[in-house]
């Protein structure tokens, strides 16, 4: 039984500690799974970790900034041509319990304002564990195939897909443009046979069928792909020049008529109880299926409802993946260590005797905090139960019953106090460690002097959804910080200047293969001395750096000197400013100069600039306070100016106008809406290029007022802003 603390019961520091540890793992797992075809954990482990992240972010929205929950897949790998998807390939939200599925259907009812007894037909399909692909046809001819990549841009694997015998090359009666989505996978029997051949030839064997399928499809030489036994299922529509069907079930039938392989187990269900019965039936059959599945996908059948429901963040509102549960295992807890997160929170973690849990070897697990360890009475030396389901994964549930116990209870004071020391210290920087009164978490007081915290902030800045600097991952950030070359974001963009200023003859000294790489063993204080006397060492002087890798990094940095405003704002790492909030700020203010000046103007609070800020949708007083706190700090303003001086910060893109009379207009909805729900009204307005704001100001263009409208309507009348009824609004936007 789970003993996990509910997210809403966590203290702010507990939440940051747990969220930081999970986010680091999920980011690493994304890279390994999507880009390197080398998954470190199974789907249940990954899904449970992401689910917990979402739970924590729902209770603590400020933690969503830079979170892996906002990402889809990973960036395309080098070596393939890039394909930009005409329609994004998004991921699905997950359900883990029957109640989650019932709530999913309930959300659909509420969004569409359906009666409690209105039927909602769903199509249930086994969720194949393979590699997502998109197949593009023009005039009935297959012209291009791509992987999902990061959801926006994937890899061109056309030549490799042409080796699949199940792929239709020509289809009759197709629209001018047709994009079909599906999954490339490998059957269990084909996987076993492939591994036997690989082993006999002395080649690499694959960990599982999904890994084998992904690695085979992403071969740079399509002739290798042709030797691999790959299979295909299709199940979704991407771009299309004309409507294909009225519903998803009809669409699957159309795919079959064109010769596309679809899963024969897919079923149309009349209600939620029918899809749950299908889920449990498939779960019982799972082991005997010829291919791996990790759950069942449910999709609203009606396409008109799918269009109305639309998307939220990274996933559609009209579909969900109901995942199968994972397992538990027993193992020995060898030791309890403490790590330092990017906010300075000190997190205990368990070093375990590696144990195979459902095909994944687990060697360590988070222990959350000192109180959680005490509540579970976990000790070094225990035999423990490892949980891998809906909790933080991998998680130590507690000591195994009827097993020998460790000798002593865990103490953070003892763990953080070095031998001969008289007080707890940070294990990374040696600064004083303290437990905040009233909180469960310990933290390092070192702030920016603690490498564990400073490097995490820099890593966020360079991460994929921020500046997306290829080659500037955690390892290289930590190295550049250690040698003093990069201690703040603007330093990243000075690396090229420093390298260019180093004489070629000095670099030549470090190119000889016989020359020892002395710099890797030079202490930091000696590096400072060397820099003061002789100037900085070239990066090629250090272990692992060669001319090519240095050149690639500097080119990647130069390529990011021009950055969209929303990415720039997100990269700053301001509390509560995640990707969605950064986009709203960028869209609202338009340019970096306008945003910076508006924030400075809003600092006194209770003025027009402040009210304009808090009127932005999803930015209330709490988020505004964190943004303005950032600007109130002089060192932040100095760093911001320094950074901006290195860059070209691109203005926010103007709303794309397709003849919409509300593109670029600020709209407030207030009162009761009858023709559609408030959520649907907002989604529709934003799809037409309007800016939906939460409160009325002089910059508001329209107030859409239904019955029961109160203070917002009164404020609009006072400011002489155009007030529309719901009927007038619908007439304005064309229904």
Foldseek 3Di string as FASTA:
>chain_A
DFPDDQLLPADPLLLCVLLQVLQVVLVVQLCCVQEVLHGQDDPLQNLLSLLVNVRNCVNFVLSQQLGCNLWARAAEYPLFDKDFFPFFDFDFAAAADLVVLVVLVVVLCQFFVHDPPDWFKKKKDFAFLAWKKKWKDAPFATDWMFTNGGRGMTGTLRLLVVLAPQDDGGFPPAARIWMWMWGKWDWPVLLVVVQVVCVVVVHDRDLFGRSVRVVLSPDSDSVSVNVGDIDIAIQDTGDGPDDDDQWRVVVVVVCVVRRHHHDPLIDIDGHSVVNVVSFVVCVVCQVVDRGHGFFMKMFGTGPVSQVLQQPDSRHGSGMYTHGYWFFKDKWAFADWAWDAGQVFWIWIKTQTDWDQGRSHTDGIGTQSFLVSCVVQVADHGATFMFGRHNHNPRDTRHGDPPTDHDDDGDDQFVNQADVVGDGGAHPQQRAGWDDDPPHGIIGHPCPLVGLNNQLVLLQLLCDCLALVQPPCHSVNSSVCVQLVQDRANLSLLCLVVLQVPDDPVLVVQLPDPPDDLVVQPDHNVVSVVCCVPPNHHHPSSHPPDDPVSVVSRNVSSVVSLEEEQLSNVSSNSQRSCHSVNSLQLLLLQFFPVSSLVLLVVCLVPPDQSVVSQCQAPPRHPVNNVSSSVLVVDPVSVVSVVSNNVSHRHHTRDAFDAPPAPQAAAEEEEFEDDDSGHPVSVVVVSVVRRHGYTHADDLRHAEYAYEPPGDDRVVVCVVSVHHYHYPVRVCVRRVD
